Amino acid sequence: LKRREDKMGYTPLHTACSARHPQDVTDALLTAFLHRGPAGEVGVSPLVRAGSGGRPSAAAAKRTRALLSIPDYSQRLPLHVAAQSSQPFHVLRTLLLPNPTSAADQDRDGRIALHHAV
């Protein structure tokens, strides 16, 4: 499910980060894919935890980072899509915390997420 793509290469996480639906839907989808604790910290999602036998591990954290690193056909990460869709800061923060280096990743046109935000 996480890797299933549409005709634009969007995974469910890309779709969750787009502006195609209300903010509460975006928040619910991000919670399912990237668990946020009460203080807003990002941990291992229930979906990733289920795939690791219920125990958080370095491998589960690695899978979470890998999920955030899947590009669409334009080489945009979910972070790029969220920035382009003017998602609120907490959404961008949720996407950056597990994989801070994604802020420097470029899309097909050489743009980073910050370029999409402006």
N, C-alpha and C. Protein backbone atom coordinates (compact mmCIF):
# COMPACT_ATOMS: atom_id res chain seq x y z
N LEU A 1 0.82 -1.19 0.00
CA LEU A 1 0.00 0.00 0.00
C LEU A 1 0.86 1.26 0.00
N LYS A 2 1.91 1.27 0.80
CA LYS A 2 2.75 2.47 0.90
C LYS A 2 3.45 2.76 -0.42
N ARG A 3 3.77 1.72 -1.17
CA ARG A 3 4.55 1.89 -2.39
C ARG A 3 3.65 2.02 -3.62
N ARG A 4 2.35 1.73 -3.49
CA ARG A 4 1.44 1.80 -4.62
C ARG A 4 1.39 3.23 -5.15
N GLU A 5 1.55 3.38 -6.45
CA GLU A 5 1.63 4.71 -7.06
C GLU A 5 0.46 4.92 -8.02
N ASP A 6 0.07 6.18 -8.19
CA ASP A 6 -0.92 6.50 -9.22
C ASP A 6 -0.18 6.87 -10.50
N LYS A 7 -0.90 7.40 -11.49
CA LYS A 7 -0.28 7.69 -12.79
C LYS A 7 0.78 8.79 -12.73
N MET A 8 0.79 9.60 -11.67
CA MET A 8 1.80 10.64 -11.50
C MET A 8 2.96 10.19 -10.61
N GLY A 9 2.89 8.94 -10.16
CA GLY A 9 3.94 8.44 -9.28
C GLY A 9 3.69 8.78 -7.83
N TYR A 10 2.51 9.30 -7.52
CA TYR A 10 2.18 9.64 -6.13
C TYR A 10 1.92 8.37 -5.33
N THR A 11 2.59 8.26 -4.21
CA THR A 11 2.28 7.21 -3.24
C THR A 11 1.16 7.76 -2.35
N PRO A 12 0.56 6.93 -1.49
CA PRO A 12 -0.43 7.47 -0.55
C PRO A 12 0.11 8.62 0.30
N LEU A 13 1.41 8.59 0.63
CA LEU A 13 1.98 9.66 1.42
C LEU A 13 2.05 10.97 0.61
N HIS A 14 2.38 10.89 -0.67
CA HIS A 14 2.35 12.09 -1.53
C HIS A 14 0.93 12.67 -1.54
N THR A 15 -0.05 11.81 -1.71
CA THR A 15 -1.44 12.26 -1.74
C THR A 15 -1.84 12.90 -0.42
N ALA A 16 -1.41 12.32 0.68
CA ALA A 16 -1.72 12.89 2.00
C ALA A 16 -1.14 14.29 2.14
N CYS A 17 -0.02 14.55 1.49
CA CYS A 17 0.65 15.85 1.60
C CYS A 17 0.14 16.87 0.60
N SER A 18 -0.68 16.44 -0.34
CA SER A 18 -1.21 17.38 -1.33
C SER A 18 -2.40 18.13 -0.76
N ALA A 19 -2.85 19.12 -1.48
CA ALA A 19 -3.97 19.95 -1.01
C ALA A 19 -5.29 19.44 -1.58
N ARG A 20 -5.40 18.15 -1.80
CA ARG A 20 -6.58 17.58 -2.43
C ARG A 20 -7.74 17.35 -1.45
N HIS A 21 -7.52 17.59 -0.18
CA HIS A 21 -8.55 17.30 0.81
C HIS A 21 -8.38 18.19 2.03
N PRO A 22 -9.36 18.20 2.94
CA PRO A 22 -9.28 19.07 4.13
C PRO A 22 -8.09 18.72 5.04
N GLN A 23 -7.69 19.69 5.85
CA GLN A 23 -6.53 19.53 6.72
C GLN A 23 -6.68 18.36 7.70
N ASP A 24 -7.88 18.12 8.21
CA ASP A 24 -8.05 17.02 9.16
C ASP A 24 -7.79 15.67 8.49
N VAL A 25 -8.07 15.56 7.19
CA VAL A 25 -7.77 14.33 6.45
C VAL A 25 -6.26 14.17 6.31
N THR A 26 -5.57 15.26 5.97
CA THR A 26 -4.10 15.23 5.87
C THR A 26 -3.50 14.78 7.20
N ASP A 27 -3.96 15.37 8.29
CA ASP A 27 -3.43 15.00 9.61
C ASP A 27 -3.67 13.54 9.94
N ALA A 28 -4.86 13.03 9.61
CA ALA A 28 -5.18 11.63 9.89
C ALA A 28 -4.30 10.69 9.07
N LEU A 29 -4.08 11.02 7.80
CA LEU A 29 -3.23 10.18 6.95
C LEU A 29 -1.79 10.20 7.42
N LEU A 30 -1.28 11.38 7.79
CA LEU A 30 0.09 11.45 8.29
C LEU A 30 0.25 10.68 9.59
N THR A 31 -0.77 10.72 10.44
CA THR A 31 -0.72 9.96 11.69
C THR A 31 -0.64 8.48 11.39
N ALA A 32 -1.36 8.01 10.39
CA ALA A 32 -1.33 6.59 10.03
C ALA A 32 0.04 6.17 9.49
N PHE A 33 0.65 7.05 8.68
CA PHE A 33 1.93 6.70 8.07
C PHE A 33 3.13 7.05 8.94
N LEU A 34 3.07 8.17 9.63
CA LEU A 34 4.20 8.66 10.42
C LEU A 34 3.67 9.06 11.78
N HIS A 35 3.73 8.15 12.72
CA HIS A 35 3.13 8.38 14.04
C HIS A 35 3.70 9.63 14.71
N ARG A 36 2.79 10.48 15.20
CA ARG A 36 3.20 11.66 15.97
C ARG A 36 2.74 11.44 17.40
N GLY A 37 3.65 11.60 18.33
CA GLY A 37 3.31 11.47 19.74
C GLY A 37 2.63 12.72 20.25
N PRO A 38 2.27 12.72 21.55
CA PRO A 38 1.55 13.85 22.12
C PRO A 38 2.30 15.18 22.03
N ALA A 39 3.62 15.14 22.04
CA ALA A 39 4.41 16.37 21.97
C ALA A 39 4.76 16.72 20.53
N GLY A 40 4.21 15.97 19.56
CA GLY A 40 4.47 16.25 18.16
C GLY A 40 5.69 15.53 17.62
N GLU A 41 6.37 14.74 18.47
CA GLU A 41 7.55 14.03 17.97
C GLU A 41 7.12 12.93 17.02
N VAL A 42 7.97 12.67 16.06
CA VAL A 42 7.66 11.65 15.07
C VAL A 42 8.34 10.38 15.48
N GLY A 43 7.58 9.31 15.47
CA GLY A 43 8.12 8.01 15.83
C GLY A 43 7.84 7.01 14.73
N VAL A 44 7.77 5.78 15.10
CA VAL A 44 7.49 4.71 14.15
C VAL A 44 5.98 4.60 14.00
N SER A 45 5.49 4.64 12.78
CA SER A 45 4.05 4.60 12.54
C SER A 45 3.48 3.24 12.89
N PRO A 46 2.18 3.19 13.14
CA PRO A 46 1.54 1.90 13.38
C PRO A 46 1.74 0.93 12.22
N LEU A 47 1.74 1.45 10.98
CA LEU A 47 1.93 0.57 9.82
C LEU A 47 3.34 0.00 9.79
N VAL A 48 4.33 0.84 10.08
CA VAL A 48 5.72 0.35 10.09
C VAL A 48 5.93 -0.59 11.27
N ARG A 49 5.34 -0.25 12.44
CA ARG A 49 5.47 -1.08 13.62
C ARG A 49 4.88 -2.48 13.37
N ALA A 50 3.73 -2.53 12.69
CA ALA A 50 3.11 -3.82 12.39
C ALA A 50 4.02 -4.66 11.52
N GLY A 51 4.71 -4.03 10.60
CA GLY A 51 5.62 -4.75 9.73
C GLY A 51 6.90 -5.21 10.41
N SER A 52 7.14 -4.72 11.63
CA SER A 52 8.36 -5.12 12.35
C SER A 52 8.02 -5.99 13.56
N GLY A 53 6.87 -6.64 13.52
CA GLY A 53 6.50 -7.53 14.61
C GLY A 53 6.08 -6.79 15.87
N GLY A 54 5.72 -5.52 15.76
CA GLY A 54 5.24 -4.77 16.91
C GLY A 54 6.32 -4.12 17.74
N ARG A 55 7.57 -4.31 17.39
CA ARG A 55 8.67 -3.73 18.17
C ARG A 55 9.37 -2.66 17.36
N PRO A 56 9.51 -1.44 17.94
CA PRO A 56 10.28 -0.42 17.22
C PRO A 56 11.74 -0.85 17.15
N SER A 57 12.37 -0.55 16.08
CA SER A 57 13.77 -0.94 15.91
C SER A 57 14.44 0.03 14.96
N ALA A 58 15.74 -0.13 14.85
CA ALA A 58 16.49 0.68 13.89
C ALA A 58 16.00 0.38 12.48
N ALA A 59 15.64 -0.87 12.22
CA ALA A 59 15.14 -1.24 10.89
C ALA A 59 13.81 -0.55 10.61
N ALA A 60 12.95 -0.45 11.62
CA ALA A 60 11.66 0.22 11.44
C ALA A 60 11.86 1.71 11.18
N ALA A 61 12.78 2.32 11.88
CA ALA A 61 13.08 3.74 11.65
C ALA A 61 13.64 3.92 10.24
N LYS A 62 14.44 2.97 9.79
CA LYS A 62 14.99 3.04 8.44
C LYS A 62 13.88 2.94 7.40
N ARG A 63 12.89 2.09 7.65
CA ARG A 63 11.76 1.97 6.73
C ARG A 63 10.95 3.27 6.69
N THR A 64 10.81 3.93 7.84
CA THR A 64 10.09 5.21 7.88
C THR A 64 10.83 6.24 7.03
N ARG A 65 12.16 6.32 7.18
CA ARG A 65 12.95 7.25 6.36
C ARG A 65 12.83 6.90 4.88
N ALA A 66 12.82 5.60 4.57
CA ALA A 66 12.69 5.18 3.18
C ALA A 66 11.34 5.60 2.61
N LEU A 67 10.30 5.50 3.40
CA LEU A 67 8.97 5.91 2.96
C LEU A 67 8.95 7.39 2.61
N LEU A 68 9.66 8.20 3.38
CA LEU A 68 9.72 9.64 3.13
C LEU A 68 10.61 9.98 1.93
N SER A 69 11.38 9.02 1.46
CA SER A 69 12.35 9.27 0.39
C SER A 69 11.89 8.75 -0.97
N ILE A 70 10.64 8.30 -1.07
CA ILE A 70 10.13 7.79 -2.35
C ILE A 70 9.70 8.99 -3.20
N PRO A 71 10.36 9.20 -4.34
CA PRO A 71 9.99 10.34 -5.19
C PRO A 71 8.83 9.99 -6.13
N ASP A 72 8.12 11.03 -6.59
CA ASP A 72 7.12 10.82 -7.64
C ASP A 72 7.84 10.90 -8.99
N TYR A 73 7.09 10.95 -10.08
CA TYR A 73 7.73 10.97 -11.40
C TYR A 73 8.51 12.24 -11.68
N SER A 74 8.24 13.30 -10.94
CA SER A 74 9.00 14.54 -11.08
C SER A 74 10.13 14.63 -10.06
N GLN A 75 10.42 13.50 -9.42
CA GLN A 75 11.47 13.40 -8.40
C GLN A 75 11.16 14.24 -7.16
N ARG A 76 9.87 14.52 -6.93
CA ARG A 76 9.47 15.27 -5.73
C ARG A 76 9.17 14.29 -4.61
N LEU A 77 9.69 14.60 -3.45
CA LEU A 77 9.39 13.83 -2.25
C LEU A 77 8.08 14.32 -1.66
N PRO A 78 7.49 13.57 -0.72
CA PRO A 78 6.30 14.08 -0.03
C PRO A 78 6.53 15.48 0.56
N LEU A 79 7.75 15.77 1.00
CA LEU A 79 8.07 17.09 1.54
C LEU A 79 7.89 18.17 0.48
N HIS A 80 8.34 17.93 -0.76
CA HIS A 80 8.16 18.89 -1.86
C HIS A 80 6.67 19.14 -2.10
N VAL A 81 5.89 18.05 -2.12
CA VAL A 81 4.46 18.16 -2.39
C VAL A 81 3.77 18.97 -1.29
N ALA A 82 4.14 18.70 -0.04
CA ALA A 82 3.55 19.43 1.09
C ALA A 82 3.89 20.91 1.02
N ALA A 83 5.13 21.22 0.68
CA ALA A 83 5.55 22.63 0.58
C ALA A 83 4.81 23.32 -0.55
N GLN A 84 4.70 22.66 -1.69
CA GLN A 84 4.01 23.24 -2.84
C GLN A 84 2.52 23.43 -2.54
N SER A 85 1.96 22.56 -1.72
CA SER A 85 0.53 22.63 -1.39
C SER A 85 0.24 23.57 -0.22
N SER A 86 1.26 24.28 0.25
CA SER A 86 1.12 25.22 1.37
C SER A 86 0.57 24.56 2.63
N GLN A 87 1.07 23.36 2.90
CA GLN A 87 0.67 22.67 4.12
C GLN A 87 1.21 23.44 5.32
N PRO A 88 0.53 23.36 6.47
CA PRO A 88 1.00 24.09 7.65
C PRO A 88 2.35 23.55 8.15
N PHE A 89 2.98 24.35 8.99
CA PHE A 89 4.31 24.04 9.50
C PHE A 89 4.37 22.66 10.15
N HIS A 90 3.35 22.28 10.92
CA HIS A 90 3.42 20.98 11.62
C HIS A 90 3.49 19.81 10.64
N VAL A 91 2.92 19.95 9.44
CA VAL A 91 3.02 18.89 8.44
C VAL A 91 4.46 18.81 7.92
N LEU A 92 5.04 19.97 7.59
CA LEU A 92 6.43 19.99 7.11
C LEU A 92 7.38 19.45 8.18
N ARG A 93 7.15 19.82 9.41
CA ARG A 93 7.97 19.35 10.53
C ARG A 93 7.88 17.83 10.67
N THR A 94 6.67 17.31 10.54
CA THR A 94 6.45 15.87 10.64
C THR A 94 7.24 15.13 9.57
N LEU A 95 7.32 15.71 8.38
CA LEU A 95 8.04 15.07 7.28
C LEU A 95 9.55 15.23 7.41
N LEU A 96 10.00 16.29 8.06
CA LEU A 96 11.44 16.56 8.18
C LEU A 96 12.12 15.84 9.34
N LEU A 97 11.43 15.69 10.45
CA LEU A 97 12.09 15.14 11.65
C LEU A 97 12.73 13.77 11.45
N PRO A 98 12.05 12.81 10.83
CA PRO A 98 12.71 11.51 10.66
C PRO A 98 13.82 11.51 9.62
N ASN A 99 13.83 12.50 8.74
CA ASN A 99 14.79 12.52 7.63
C ASN A 99 15.18 13.96 7.30
N PRO A 100 15.93 14.63 8.18
CA PRO A 100 16.25 16.05 7.98
C PRO A 100 17.00 16.35 6.69
N THR A 101 17.76 15.41 6.19
CA THR A 101 18.53 15.67 4.97
C THR A 101 17.64 15.82 3.75
N SER A 102 16.36 15.41 3.85
CA SER A 102 15.46 15.54 2.69
C SER A 102 15.22 17.01 2.34
N ALA A 103 15.50 17.92 3.26
CA ALA A 103 15.35 19.35 2.98
C ALA A 103 16.26 19.79 1.84
N ALA A 104 17.35 19.08 1.62
CA ALA A 104 18.30 19.44 0.57
C ALA A 104 18.11 18.63 -0.72
N ASP A 105 17.18 17.68 -0.71
CA ASP A 105 16.94 16.86 -1.90
C ASP A 105 16.27 17.69 -2.99
N GLN A 106 16.73 17.51 -4.22
CA GLN A 106 16.22 18.29 -5.34
C GLN A 106 15.26 17.46 -6.19
N ASP A 107 14.27 18.14 -6.78
CA ASP A 107 13.38 17.47 -7.72
C ASP A 107 14.02 17.47 -9.10
N ARG A 108 13.27 17.04 -10.09
CA ARG A 108 13.80 16.93 -11.46
C ARG A 108 14.30 18.27 -12.00
N ASP A 109 13.71 19.37 -11.52
CA ASP A 109 14.11 20.70 -12.00
C ASP A 109 15.15 21.36 -11.12
N GLY A 110 15.72 20.62 -10.17
CA GLY A 110 16.76 21.15 -9.31
C GLY A 110 16.25 21.98 -8.14
N ARG A 111 14.95 21.90 -7.85
CA ARG A 111 14.38 22.68 -6.76
C ARG A 111 14.28 21.85 -5.48
N ILE A 112 14.58 22.51 -4.36
CA ILE A 112 14.39 21.88 -3.06
C ILE A 112 12.99 22.26 -2.55
N ALA A 113 12.58 21.67 -1.44
CA ALA A 113 11.23 21.92 -0.91
C ALA A 113 11.00 23.41 -0.65
N LEU A 114 12.02 24.11 -0.19
CA LEU A 114 11.87 25.53 0.09
C LEU A 114 11.47 26.32 -1.16
N HIS A 115 12.00 25.94 -2.31
CA HIS A 115 11.62 26.59 -3.56
C HIS A 115 10.12 26.42 -3.83
N HIS A 116 9.61 25.24 -3.51
CA HIS A 116 8.18 24.99 -3.73
C HIS A 116 7.31 25.77 -2.76
N ALA A 117 7.84 26.10 -1.60
CA ALA A 117 7.07 26.79 -0.57
C ALA A 117 6.88 28.27 -0.89
N VAL A 118 7.77 28.85 -1.69
CA VAL A 118 7.68 30.28 -1.99
C VAL A 118 6.96 30.58 -3.27
